[in-house]
Amino acid sequence: MSKAGPRSAHYAGRGTCPTCDTTELIRKRDHKFRSHRRMGMYCLGSNGAPVAPVWWPGMEPTAEGQQ
């Protein structure tokens, strides 16, 4: 089952964080994981690039938006 779309205008999709193995939101502005906590501290995967993310419709990064 997939999500229908973003719950907030700030997010573009979801992906599994490779550091803590939880599903986290991906920011729209830079297409990186939002800052998230794991066991009381910020996860080292925060602000990292997602691997195999699920983008909400129309939110995929474009070639000109990537460096």
C-alpha atoms as a PDB file:
ATOM      1  CA  MET A   1       0.000   0.000   0.000  1.00  0.00           C
ATOM      2  CA  SER A   2       1.438   3.394  -0.953  1.00  0.00           C
ATOM      3  CA  LYS A   3       0.757   6.842   0.374  1.00  0.00           C
ATOM      4  CA  ALA A   4      -1.578   8.961  -1.750  1.00  0.00           C
ATOM      5  CA  GLY A   5       0.485  12.128  -1.406  1.00  0.00           C
ATOM      6  CA  PRO A   6       2.310  14.473   0.901  1.00  0.00           C
ATOM      7  CA  ARG A   7       0.803  15.419   4.224  1.00  0.00           C
ATOM      8  CA  SER A   8       2.746  18.668   4.171  1.00  0.00           C
ATOM      9  CA  ALA A   9       4.010  20.925   1.406  1.00  0.00           C
ATOM     10  CA  HIS A  10       7.521  20.525   2.862  1.00  0.00           C
ATOM     11  CA  TYR A  11       7.959  16.861   1.920  1.00  0.00           C
ATOM     12  CA  ALA A  12       8.380  15.099  -1.425  1.00  0.00           C
ATOM     13  CA  GLY A  13       8.274  11.432  -0.457  1.00  0.00           C
ATOM     14  CA  ARG A  14       9.424   8.694   1.903  1.00  0.00           C
ATOM     15  CA  GLY A  15      12.394   6.396   2.059  1.00  0.00           C
ATOM     16  CA  THR A  16      14.083   3.941   4.390  1.00  0.00           C
ATOM     17  CA  CYS A  17      17.001   5.420   6.290  1.00  0.00           C
ATOM     18  CA  PRO A  18      20.022   3.136   5.792  1.00  0.00           C
ATOM     19  CA  THR A  19      21.391   4.091   9.230  1.00  0.00           C
ATOM     20  CA  CYS A  20      18.426   3.367  11.508  1.00  0.00           C
ATOM     21  CA  ASP A  21      16.235   1.320   9.114  1.00  0.00           C
ATOM     22  CA  THR A  22      13.090   3.409   9.710  1.00  0.00           C
ATOM     23  CA  THR A  23      10.831   4.994   7.100  1.00  0.00           C
ATOM     24  CA  GLU A  24      11.427   8.739   7.069  1.00  0.00           C
ATOM     25  CA  LEU A  25      10.122  11.716   5.133  1.00  0.00           C
ATOM     26  CA  ILE A  26      12.214  13.349   2.399  1.00  0.00           C
ATOM     27  CA  ARG A  27      12.355  17.148   2.207  1.00  0.00           C
ATOM     28  CA  LYS A  28      11.078  18.849  -0.922  1.00  0.00           C
ATOM     29  CA  ARG A  29      13.681  21.642  -0.942  1.00  0.00           C
ATOM     30  CA  ASP A  30      16.790  19.442  -1.166  1.00  0.00           C
ATOM     31  CA  HIS A  31      15.426  15.866  -1.580  1.00  0.00           C
ATOM     32  CA  LYS A  32      17.273  14.638   1.522  1.00  0.00           C
ATOM     33  CA  PHE A  33      15.973  12.937   4.663  1.00  0.00           C
ATOM     34  CA  ARG A  34      14.492  15.213   7.266  1.00  0.00           C
ATOM     35  CA  SER A  35      16.301  15.334  10.591  1.00  0.00           C
ATOM     36  CA  HIS A  36      15.002  12.460  12.699  1.00  0.00           C
ATOM     37  CA  ARG A  37      15.769  10.981  16.086  1.00  0.00           C
ATOM     38  CA  ARG A  38      16.649   7.432  16.965  1.00  0.00           C
ATOM     39  CA  MET A  39      16.908   6.364  20.608  1.00  0.00           C
ATOM     40  CA  GLY A  40      16.929   9.961  21.900  1.00  0.00           C
ATOM     41  CA  MET A  41      19.630  11.301  19.578  1.00  0.00           C
ATOM     42  CA  TYR A  42      19.634  12.555  16.008  1.00  0.00           C
ATOM     43  CA  CYS A  43      20.210   9.713  13.575  1.00  0.00           C
ATOM     44  CA  LEU A  44      23.432   9.878  11.557  1.00  0.00           C
ATOM     45  CA  GLY A  45      21.298   9.349   8.434  1.00  0.00           C
ATOM     46  CA  SER A  46      19.532  12.681   8.956  1.00  0.00           C
ATOM     47  CA  ASN A  47      20.042  15.099   6.068  1.00  0.00           C
ATOM     48  CA  GLY A  48      21.448  12.267   3.931  1.00  0.00           C
ATOM     49  CA  ALA A  49      20.446  11.320   0.414  1.00  0.00           C
ATOM     50  CA  PRO A  50      17.810   8.572   0.276  1.00  0.00           C
ATOM     51  CA  VAL A  51      18.410   5.271  -1.525  1.00  0.00           C
ATOM     52  CA  ALA A  52      15.452   3.930  -3.583  1.00  0.00           C
ATOM     53  CA  PRO A  53      12.926   6.492  -2.288  1.00  0.00           C
ATOM     54  CA  VAL A  54       9.209   6.500  -3.016  1.00  0.00           C
ATOM     55  CA  TRP A  55       8.311   9.930  -4.418  1.00  0.00           C
ATOM     56  CA  TRP A  56       4.828  11.346  -4.244  1.00  0.00           C
ATOM     57  CA  PRO A  57       3.335  12.193  -7.667  1.00  0.00           C
ATOM     58  CA  GLY A  58       5.082  15.160  -9.283  1.00  0.00           C
ATOM     59  CA  MET A  59       7.692  15.479  -6.504  1.00  0.00           C
ATOM     60  CA  GLU A  60      10.581  13.594  -8.108  1.00  0.00           C
ATOM     61  CA  PRO A  61      13.853  15.517  -8.368  1.00  0.00           C
ATOM     62  CA  THR A  62      14.582  16.802 -11.859  1.00  0.00           C
ATOM     63  CA  ALA A  63      17.931  16.625 -13.665  1.00  0.00           C
ATOM     64  CA  GLU A  64      18.455  20.403 -13.330  1.00  0.00           C
ATOM     65  CA  GLY A  65      17.644  20.231  -9.625  1.00  0.00           C
ATOM     66  CA  GLN A  66      20.475  17.757  -8.965  1.00  0.00           C
ATOM     67  CA  GLN A  67      24.142  18.657  -8.626  1.00  0.00           C
END
